[in-house]
N, C-alpha and C. Protein backbone atom coordinates (compact mmCIF):
# COMPACT_ATOMS: atom_id res chain seq x y z
N MET A 1 7.55 79.80 106.66
CA MET A 1 7.54 78.35 106.33
C MET A 1 5.95 78.16 106.09
N ARG A 2 4.98 79.36 106.88
CA ARG A 2 3.73 79.37 106.76
C ARG A 2 3.20 79.62 105.02
N VAL A 3 4.16 80.73 104.57
CA VAL A 3 3.91 80.90 103.17
C VAL A 3 4.09 79.73 102.19
N ILE A 4 5.21 78.93 102.56
CA ILE A 4 5.29 77.80 101.79
C ILE A 4 4.20 76.87 102.02
N ILE A 5 3.61 76.50 102.68
CA ILE A 5 2.40 75.76 102.78
C ILE A 5 1.35 76.23 102.40
N ALA A 6 1.04 77.57 102.47
CA ALA A 6 0.17 78.10 101.84
C ALA A 6 0.10 78.00 100.16
N ILE A 7 0.95 77.97 99.82
CA ILE A 7 1.40 77.97 98.40
C ILE A 7 1.03 76.27 97.92
N ALA A 8 1.97 75.68 98.77
CA ALA A 8 1.83 74.08 98.35
C ALA A 8 0.08 73.59 98.38
N LEU A 9 -0.58 74.19 99.42
CA LEU A 9 -2.11 73.97 99.56
C LEU A 9 -2.66 74.31 98.36
N LYS A 10 -2.37 75.52 97.82
CA LYS A 10 -3.41 75.96 96.81
C LYS A 10 -2.87 75.42 95.72
N ASP A 11 -1.68 75.02 95.19
CA ASP A 11 -1.19 74.34 94.55
C ASP A 11 -1.92 72.95 94.42
N LEU A 12 -1.97 72.42 95.27
CA LEU A 12 -2.63 70.74 95.46
C LEU A 12 -4.39 70.98 95.07
N LYS A 13 -4.81 72.24 95.46
CA LYS A 13 -5.99 72.26 95.48
C LYS A 13 -6.48 72.40 94.07
N LEU A 14 -5.61 73.38 92.93
CA LEU A 14 -5.50 73.58 91.93
C LEU A 14 -5.55 72.31 91.07
N LEU A 15 -4.32 71.60 91.48
CA LEU A 15 -4.27 70.25 90.87
C LEU A 15 -5.45 69.12 90.97
N PHE A 16 -6.05 69.21 91.94
CA PHE A 16 -7.15 68.16 92.41
C PHE A 16 -8.31 68.93 91.27
N GLN A 17 -8.54 69.66 90.95
CA GLN A 17 -9.53 70.71 90.34
C GLN A 17 -9.24 70.24 88.61
N ASP A 18 -8.04 69.88 88.40
CA ASP A 18 -7.90 69.35 86.87
C ASP A 18 -7.55 67.82 87.05
N LYS A 19 -8.81 67.11 86.83
CA LYS A 19 -8.63 65.40 86.76
C LYS A 19 -7.61 64.92 85.94
N SER A 20 -7.48 65.24 84.60
CA SER A 20 -6.37 65.05 84.13
C SER A 20 -4.94 64.84 84.63
N GLY A 21 -4.76 66.10 85.15
CA GLY A 21 -3.39 66.50 85.98
C GLY A 21 -3.29 65.71 87.30
N SER A 22 -4.32 65.56 87.95
CA SER A 22 -4.18 64.81 89.11
C SER A 22 -4.03 63.30 88.67
N PHE A 23 -4.69 62.83 87.57
CA PHE A 23 -4.59 61.13 87.53
C PHE A 23 -2.87 61.13 86.84
N PHE A 24 -2.41 61.95 86.38
CA PHE A 24 -0.86 61.75 85.75
C PHE A 24 0.17 61.99 86.65
N VAL A 25 -0.47 62.90 88.00
CA VAL A 25 0.46 63.05 89.28
C VAL A 25 0.58 61.61 89.97
N PHE A 26 -0.86 61.25 90.08
CA PHE A 26 -0.85 60.28 91.30
C PHE A 26 -1.34 58.88 90.83
N GLY A 27 -2.41 58.49 89.57
CA GLY A 27 -2.86 57.14 89.05
C GLY A 27 -1.98 56.63 88.32
N PHE A 28 -1.30 57.74 87.43
CA PHE A 28 -0.31 57.12 86.25
C PHE A 28 0.65 56.16 86.97
N PRO A 29 1.70 57.02 87.82
CA PRO A 29 2.73 56.42 88.54
C PRO A 29 2.41 54.83 89.08
N LEU A 30 1.10 55.14 89.74
CA LEU A 30 0.72 53.62 90.49
C LEU A 30 0.30 52.49 89.49
N LEU A 31 -0.37 53.18 88.36
CA LEU A 31 -0.35 51.97 87.65
C LEU A 31 0.86 51.45 86.93
N MET A 32 1.94 52.28 86.57
CA MET A 32 3.03 51.75 86.22
C MET A 32 3.83 50.72 86.84
N ALA A 33 3.67 51.14 88.32
CA ALA A 33 4.65 50.17 89.47
C ALA A 33 3.80 49.07 89.44
N VAL A 34 2.43 49.10 89.35
CA VAL A 34 1.77 48.02 89.33
C VAL A 34 2.07 46.69 88.18
N PHE A 35 1.96 47.48 87.06
CA PHE A 35 2.10 46.86 85.64
C PHE A 35 3.52 46.27 85.58
N PHE A 36 4.56 47.13 86.05
CA PHE A 36 5.79 46.58 86.13
C PHE A 36 6.23 45.68 87.11
N GLY A 37 5.69 45.67 88.31
CA GLY A 37 5.43 44.67 89.22
C GLY A 37 5.07 43.31 88.82
N PHE A 38 3.96 43.52 87.77
CA PHE A 38 3.17 42.36 87.49
C PHE A 38 4.31 41.39 86.68
N ILE A 39 4.73 42.13 85.73
CA ILE A 39 5.75 41.72 84.66
C ILE A 39 6.76 40.89 85.07
N PHE A 40 7.81 41.61 86.21
CA PHE A 40 8.92 41.25 86.54
C PHE A 40 8.67 40.37 87.95
N ALA A 41 7.68 39.88 88.21
CA ALA A 41 7.17 38.87 89.49
C ALA A 41 7.80 37.47 89.31
N GLY A 42 7.27 37.15 88.08
CA GLY A 42 7.85 35.88 87.82
C GLY A 42 6.61 34.88 88.23
N GLY A 43 5.53 35.25 88.15
CA GLY A 43 4.73 34.27 88.82
C GLY A 43 4.47 34.05 90.25
N GLY A 44 5.49 34.37 90.96
CA GLY A 44 5.18 34.29 92.48
C GLY A 44 5.67 33.10 93.12
N ASP A 45 5.94 31.96 92.50
CA ASP A 45 6.33 30.81 93.00
C ASP A 45 7.76 30.48 93.22
N GLY A 46 8.41 31.19 92.99
CA GLY A 46 9.97 31.47 93.41
C GLY A 46 10.76 30.22 92.20
N LYS A 47 10.28 29.59 91.21
CA LYS A 47 10.64 28.42 90.38
C LYS A 47 11.17 29.42 89.26
N VAL A 48 12.12 28.67 88.39
CA VAL A 48 12.30 29.16 87.17
C VAL A 48 11.89 28.35 86.10
N ASN A 49 11.45 28.87 84.87
CA ASN A 49 10.91 28.10 83.84
C ASN A 49 12.46 27.58 83.01
N PRO A 50 12.39 26.18 83.05
CA PRO A 50 14.10 25.93 82.38
C PRO A 50 13.76 26.15 80.90
N MET A 51 14.80 26.70 80.25
CA MET A 51 14.88 26.59 78.75
C MET A 51 15.17 25.04 78.26
N LYS A 52 13.67 25.21 77.30
CA LYS A 52 13.92 23.67 76.50
C LYS A 52 14.94 23.90 75.46
N VAL A 53 16.03 22.87 75.70
CA VAL A 53 16.82 22.70 74.81
C VAL A 53 17.03 21.33 74.31
N VAL A 54 16.95 20.93 73.00
CA VAL A 54 16.76 19.42 72.20
C VAL A 54 18.20 19.03 72.04
N VAL A 55 18.51 17.86 72.35
CA VAL A 55 20.13 17.52 72.12
C VAL A 55 20.02 16.47 71.34
N ALA A 56 20.95 16.49 70.26
CA ALA A 56 21.22 15.55 69.32
C ALA A 56 22.58 14.74 69.60
N ASP A 57 22.94 13.91 70.48
CA ASP A 57 24.06 13.41 70.66
C ASP A 57 24.71 12.47 69.75
N ALA A 58 25.12 12.76 68.66
CA ALA A 58 25.78 11.71 67.89
C ALA A 58 27.57 11.15 68.50
N ASP A 59 27.67 11.42 69.60
CA ASP A 59 28.91 10.76 70.22
C ASP A 59 28.67 9.52 71.31
N SER A 60 27.33 9.84 71.70
CA SER A 60 27.14 9.19 72.94
C SER A 60 28.06 8.24 73.62
N THR A 61 28.86 9.04 74.03
CA THR A 61 29.65 8.67 75.17
C THR A 61 29.70 8.82 76.37
N THR A 62 30.19 8.41 77.35
CA THR A 62 30.28 8.70 78.81
C THR A 62 30.45 10.62 78.95
N ALA A 63 31.45 11.00 78.10
CA ALA A 63 31.87 12.33 78.19
C ALA A 63 30.67 13.30 77.70
N SER A 64 29.85 12.77 76.75
CA SER A 64 29.38 13.47 76.12
C SER A 64 27.77 13.73 77.01
N ILE A 65 27.42 12.26 77.48
CA ILE A 65 26.37 12.45 78.72
C ILE A 65 26.53 12.97 79.77
N GLU A 66 27.78 12.93 80.36
CA GLU A 66 28.15 13.99 81.33
C GLU A 66 27.99 15.34 80.99
N PHE A 67 28.51 15.85 79.92
CA PHE A 67 28.48 17.23 79.59
C PHE A 67 27.15 17.73 79.66
N VAL A 68 26.12 16.62 79.22
CA VAL A 68 24.62 17.07 79.00
C VAL A 68 23.93 17.22 80.42
N ALA A 69 24.30 16.11 81.13
CA ALA A 69 23.95 16.27 82.91
C ALA A 69 24.43 17.40 83.53
N GLN A 70 25.75 17.90 83.47
CA GLN A 70 26.21 19.23 83.77
C GLN A 70 25.41 20.34 83.49
N LEU A 71 25.12 20.34 82.18
CA LEU A 71 24.13 21.38 81.50
C LEU A 71 22.74 21.66 82.20
N THR A 72 22.45 20.59 82.71
CA THR A 72 21.04 20.23 83.18
C THR A 72 21.05 20.44 84.55
N LYS A 73 22.00 20.26 85.32
CA LYS A 73 22.29 20.31 86.64
C LYS A 73 21.52 21.52 87.56
N THR A 74 21.70 22.50 87.02
CA THR A 74 21.34 23.80 87.78
C THR A 74 19.81 24.07 87.72
N GLY A 75 19.29 23.10 86.58
CA GLY A 75 17.54 23.30 86.66
C GLY A 75 17.09 24.26 85.46
N ALA A 76 18.23 25.29 85.23
CA ALA A 76 17.84 26.18 84.26
C ALA A 76 17.70 25.60 83.00
N VAL A 77 18.17 24.68 82.44
CA VAL A 77 18.00 23.84 81.04
C VAL A 77 17.49 22.77 81.39
N LYS A 78 16.16 22.46 80.43
CA LYS A 78 15.72 20.92 80.05
C LYS A 78 16.17 20.40 78.95
N ALA A 79 16.91 19.53 79.32
CA ALA A 79 17.40 18.62 77.68
C ALA A 79 16.67 17.66 77.50
N ILE A 80 16.18 17.54 75.96
CA ILE A 80 15.47 16.61 75.62
C ILE A 80 16.26 15.85 74.51
N ALA A 81 16.45 14.48 74.35
CA ALA A 81 17.37 13.99 73.61
C ALA A 81 16.52 13.30 72.28
N VAL A 82 16.90 13.86 71.18
CA VAL A 82 16.18 13.50 69.69
C VAL A 82 17.15 13.32 69.08
N SER A 83 16.83 13.07 67.86
CA SER A 83 17.63 12.71 66.89
C SER A 83 18.13 14.29 66.02
N GLU A 84 18.92 14.22 65.32
CA GLU A 84 19.61 15.75 64.38
C GLU A 84 18.42 16.37 63.95
N GLU A 85 17.73 15.65 62.81
CA GLU A 85 16.76 16.36 62.07
C GLU A 85 15.46 16.79 63.33
N GLU A 86 15.07 16.01 64.14
CA GLU A 86 13.90 16.28 65.01
C GLU A 86 14.52 17.45 65.88
N ALA A 87 15.53 17.49 65.98
CA ALA A 87 16.17 18.77 66.89
C ALA A 87 15.99 20.12 65.97
N ILE A 88 16.28 20.24 64.84
CA ILE A 88 16.15 21.31 64.05
C ILE A 88 15.03 21.50 63.85
N SER A 89 13.96 20.67 63.51
CA SER A 89 12.48 20.73 63.20
C SER A 89 11.95 21.64 64.68
N ARG A 90 12.13 20.93 65.56
CA ARG A 90 11.57 21.38 66.93
C ARG A 90 12.07 23.12 66.92
N VAL A 91 12.88 23.29 66.74
CA VAL A 91 13.56 24.67 66.70
C VAL A 91 12.72 25.30 65.93
N ARG A 92 12.64 24.85 64.80
CA ARG A 92 12.18 25.94 63.32
C ARG A 92 10.58 25.92 63.61
N ARG A 93 9.95 25.00 64.26
CA ARG A 93 8.56 25.12 64.87
C ARG A 93 8.27 25.78 66.14
N GLY A 94 9.24 26.33 66.55
CA GLY A 94 8.97 26.96 68.09
C GLY A 94 8.89 26.18 69.28
N LYS A 95 8.85 24.78 69.14
CA LYS A 95 8.85 23.76 70.33
C LYS A 95 9.89 23.66 71.29
N ALA A 96 11.01 24.18 70.80
CA ALA A 96 12.12 24.28 71.64
C ALA A 96 12.97 25.69 71.47
N THR A 97 13.60 25.79 72.54
CA THR A 97 14.34 27.40 72.64
C THR A 97 15.36 27.09 71.61
N ALA A 98 16.33 25.96 71.55
CA ALA A 98 17.73 25.88 71.06
C ALA A 98 17.88 24.31 70.67
N TYR A 99 19.03 24.24 69.84
CA TYR A 99 19.31 22.65 69.78
C TYR A 99 20.68 22.64 69.98
N LEU A 100 20.86 21.61 70.40
CA LEU A 100 22.55 21.33 70.37
C LEU A 100 22.99 19.84 69.77
N ILE A 101 23.92 20.03 68.94
CA ILE A 101 24.51 18.82 68.08
C ILE A 101 25.75 18.78 68.82
N ILE A 102 25.90 17.52 69.40
CA ILE A 102 27.23 17.03 69.99
C ILE A 102 27.98 16.07 68.76
N PRO A 103 28.87 16.26 67.98
CA PRO A 103 29.24 15.52 67.30
C PRO A 103 30.10 14.29 67.28
N GLU A 104 30.39 13.32 66.49
CA GLU A 104 31.22 12.39 67.03
C GLU A 104 32.69 12.69 67.06
N GLY A 105 33.19 12.10 68.24
CA GLY A 105 34.59 12.42 68.17
C GLY A 105 34.59 13.52 69.58
N PHE A 106 33.42 13.76 70.08
CA PHE A 106 33.31 15.01 71.11
C PHE A 106 34.40 14.49 72.22
N ALA A 107 34.26 13.12 72.69
CA ALA A 107 34.91 12.57 74.08
C ALA A 107 36.29 12.48 73.33
N ALA A 108 36.69 12.15 72.14
CA ALA A 108 38.15 11.75 71.79
C ALA A 108 38.81 13.24 71.64
N ASN A 109 38.34 14.38 71.64
CA ASN A 109 38.88 15.65 71.48
C ASN A 109 38.57 16.53 72.83
N LYS A 110 38.41 15.86 73.85
CA LYS A 110 38.01 16.76 75.21
C LYS A 110 39.30 17.55 75.63
N MET A 111 40.55 16.81 75.33
CA MET A 111 41.38 17.63 75.94
C MET A 111 41.90 18.48 74.67
N GLY A 112 41.38 18.76 73.63
CA GLY A 112 41.93 19.46 72.77
C GLY A 112 41.95 20.89 72.99
N MET A 113 41.11 21.35 74.31
CA MET A 113 41.27 22.87 74.33
C MET A 113 43.18 23.37 74.52
N PHE A 114 43.69 22.42 75.13
CA PHE A 114 45.08 22.47 75.15
C PHE A 114 46.03 22.71 74.25
N SER A 115 45.53 22.01 73.05
CA SER A 115 46.21 21.98 71.73
C SER A 115 45.64 23.25 70.80
N GLY A 116 44.51 23.84 71.25
CA GLY A 116 43.94 24.92 70.70
C GLY A 116 42.82 24.48 69.72
N ASN A 117 42.40 23.21 69.97
CA ASN A 117 41.88 22.44 69.31
C ASN A 117 40.39 22.12 69.92
N PRO A 118 39.72 22.72 70.69
CA PRO A 118 38.44 22.10 71.59
C PRO A 118 37.43 21.45 70.97
N PRO A 119 36.90 20.45 71.50
CA PRO A 119 35.77 19.84 70.71
C PRO A 119 34.30 20.70 70.67
N GLU A 120 33.88 20.58 69.37
CA GLU A 120 32.84 21.58 69.03
C GLU A 120 31.37 21.07 69.27
N ILE A 121 30.66 22.01 69.77
CA ILE A 121 29.18 21.78 69.76
C ILE A 121 28.58 22.68 69.06
N VAL A 122 27.36 22.26 68.12
CA VAL A 122 26.83 23.31 67.21
C VAL A 122 25.38 23.60 68.13
N VAL A 123 25.15 24.77 67.91
CA VAL A 123 23.86 25.24 68.71
C VAL A 123 22.99 26.04 67.71
N GLY A 124 21.68 25.51 67.74
CA GLY A 124 20.50 26.29 66.50
C GLY A 124 19.86 26.88 67.51
N ILE A 125 19.83 28.46 67.32
CA ILE A 125 18.64 29.21 67.98
C ILE A 125 18.11 30.63 67.24
N ASP A 126 16.89 30.99 67.45
CA ASP A 126 16.49 31.78 66.84
C ASP A 126 17.29 33.16 67.21
N PRO A 127 17.44 33.90 66.04
CA PRO A 127 18.52 35.22 65.92
C PRO A 127 17.56 36.10 67.12
N SER A 128 16.55 36.18 66.96
CA SER A 128 15.54 37.24 67.84
C SER A 128 15.90 36.87 69.42
N ARG A 129 16.29 35.53 69.86
CA ARG A 129 16.50 35.20 71.43
C ARG A 129 17.96 35.57 71.61
N LYS A 130 18.26 36.62 71.29
CA LYS A 130 19.99 37.06 71.85
C LYS A 130 19.88 37.00 73.18
N ALA A 131 19.37 37.09 74.14
CA ALA A 131 19.31 37.23 75.49
C ALA A 131 19.69 35.50 75.98
N GLN A 132 18.61 34.99 75.33
CA GLN A 132 18.73 33.27 75.77
C GLN A 132 19.85 32.54 75.09
N ALA A 133 20.11 33.30 73.96
CA ALA A 133 21.47 32.42 73.40
C ALA A 133 22.88 32.70 74.25
N GLY A 134 22.84 33.96 74.85
CA GLY A 134 24.05 34.19 75.40
C GLY A 134 23.70 33.67 76.55
N MET A 135 22.83 33.27 77.36
CA MET A 135 22.82 32.69 78.67
C MET A 135 23.12 30.96 78.26
N LEU A 136 22.47 30.44 77.18
CA LEU A 136 22.80 29.14 76.81
C LEU A 136 24.46 29.02 76.71
N ILE A 137 25.07 29.96 75.89
CA ILE A 137 26.19 29.81 75.83
C ILE A 137 27.36 29.89 76.99
N GLY A 138 26.96 30.76 77.71
CA GLY A 138 27.64 30.76 79.18
C GLY A 138 27.57 29.51 79.86
N MET A 139 26.27 28.91 79.72
CA MET A 139 26.15 27.69 80.77
C MET A 139 26.82 26.55 79.99
N LEU A 140 26.91 26.43 78.60
CA LEU A 140 27.57 25.50 77.79
C LEU A 140 29.12 25.74 78.08
N GLN A 141 29.81 26.98 78.39
CA GLN A 141 31.14 26.93 78.69
C GLN A 141 31.31 26.40 80.04
N LYS A 142 30.13 26.85 81.06
CA LYS A 142 30.63 26.08 82.45
C LYS A 142 30.33 24.82 82.42
N ALA A 143 29.51 24.23 81.71
CA ALA A 143 29.41 22.68 81.63
C ALA A 143 30.47 22.01 81.19
N GLY A 144 31.25 22.65 80.11
CA GLY A 144 32.61 22.40 79.82
C GLY A 144 33.80 22.46 80.63
N PHE A 145 33.63 23.45 81.55
CA PHE A 145 34.89 23.78 82.45
C PHE A 145 34.58 22.90 83.39
N ALA A 146 33.22 22.73 83.95
CA ALA A 146 33.29 21.79 85.13
C ALA A 146 33.73 20.24 85.03
N GLY A 147 33.19 19.76 83.76
CA GLY A 147 33.97 18.58 83.28
C GLY A 147 35.57 18.57 82.81
N LEU A 148 36.32 19.64 82.76
CA LEU A 148 37.56 19.49 83.04
C LEU A 148 37.93 19.27 84.50
N GLN A 149 37.53 20.15 85.14
CA GLN A 149 37.79 20.34 86.59
C GLN A 149 37.52 18.92 87.29
N GLY A 150 36.42 18.07 87.05
CA GLY A 150 36.62 16.51 87.13
C GLY A 150 37.48 15.87 86.96
N MET A 151 38.02 16.26 85.62
CA MET A 151 39.49 15.54 84.93
C MET A 151 40.72 15.72 85.82
N PHE A 152 40.77 17.06 86.30
CA PHE A 152 42.03 17.36 86.86
C PHE A 152 41.77 17.16 88.54
N GLY A 153 40.94 16.98 88.96
CA GLY A 153 40.72 16.72 90.58
C GLY A 153 40.03 17.67 91.16
N GLY A 154 39.62 18.69 90.71
CA GLY A 154 38.91 19.82 91.25
C GLY A 154 39.70 20.93 90.98
N GLY A 155 40.69 20.83 90.83
CA GLY A 155 41.64 22.37 90.68
C GLY A 155 41.21 23.17 89.40
N GLY A 156 41.55 24.43 89.67
CA GLY A 156 40.97 25.42 88.66
C GLY A 156 42.40 26.37 88.33
N SER A 157 42.75 26.44 87.12
CA SER A 157 44.03 26.87 86.50
C SER A 157 43.76 28.62 86.50
N GLY A 158 42.36 28.91 86.48
CA GLY A 158 42.17 30.47 86.22
C GLY A 158 42.42 31.08 84.81
N ASN A 159 42.80 30.24 83.72
CA ASN A 159 43.41 30.64 82.38
C ASN A 159 42.01 30.86 81.75
N SER A 160 42.40 31.73 80.26
CA SER A 160 41.10 31.80 79.69
C SER A 160 40.76 30.73 78.56
N MET A 161 41.55 29.72 78.55
CA MET A 161 41.06 28.50 77.58
C MET A 161 39.67 28.18 77.62
N THR A 162 39.05 28.24 76.24
CA THR A 162 37.70 27.59 76.20
C THR A 162 37.59 26.12 76.47
N PRO A 163 36.82 25.55 76.89
CA PRO A 163 36.81 24.04 77.03
C PRO A 163 35.97 23.57 75.79
N VAL A 164 35.08 24.31 75.23
CA VAL A 164 34.30 23.84 73.78
C VAL A 164 34.28 25.06 73.05
N ALA A 165 34.39 24.52 71.69
CA ALA A 165 34.09 25.64 70.55
C ALA A 165 32.41 25.54 70.12
N ILE A 166 32.02 26.74 70.29
CA ILE A 166 30.65 26.60 70.19
C ILE A 166 30.28 27.40 68.73
N ASP A 167 29.60 26.63 67.66
CA ASP A 167 29.28 27.22 66.45
C ASP A 167 27.95 27.43 66.51
N VAL A 168 27.32 28.86 66.78
CA VAL A 168 25.97 29.11 66.66
C VAL A 168 25.47 29.41 65.24
N GLN A 169 24.25 28.49 65.24
CA GLN A 169 23.74 29.04 63.80
C GLN A 169 22.40 29.50 64.20
N ASP A 170 21.73 30.41 63.26
CA ASP A 170 20.38 30.94 63.14
C ASP A 170 19.55 29.97 62.71
N VAL A 171 18.71 29.82 63.52
CA VAL A 171 17.44 29.11 62.98
C VAL A 171 16.06 30.23 63.04
N SER A 172 15.40 30.05 61.62
CA SER A 172 14.63 30.91 61.54
C SER A 172 13.07 29.99 62.12
N VAL A 173 12.35 30.58 62.89
CA VAL A 173 11.14 30.03 63.44
C VAL A 173 10.24 30.23 62.47
N ASN A 174 9.20 29.02 61.98
CA ASN A 174 8.43 29.28 61.17
C ASN A 174 6.98 29.70 61.90
């Protein structure tokens, strides 16, 4: 055991004589830990920055308004009501993450998922934001299922039908 300790002390003595070697053994891992801790800390306040989504609701029915309310319920999405042209413009200028267009007939076709023709929602998002697009699509499906759950008294069937058809359009940010 004494021999192992003597070899380790000799190696540490040689390591500390080499400044660049000791930096990469002790300093660099410490800097990386601080760097990644700073990036993934999230600001320290524990609050989530909501995704800015502009909504053009052409249907303007109780069902479409409840759908948007259900989407914003978690606080992960901040919905701003605008016209369709303004919605597309804001996403192109980078002022919003995505746009949702709820076409006319959304409420009339709400039960269409059972006939294989669910109501359609158009989503426009920059193709470079794949993670945010996936998150938004998941939240849209969740909001659609929550609306159906309310219609059927809170029971869930557990099937794989989709409550809304989502047409994702790529929008280039200028």
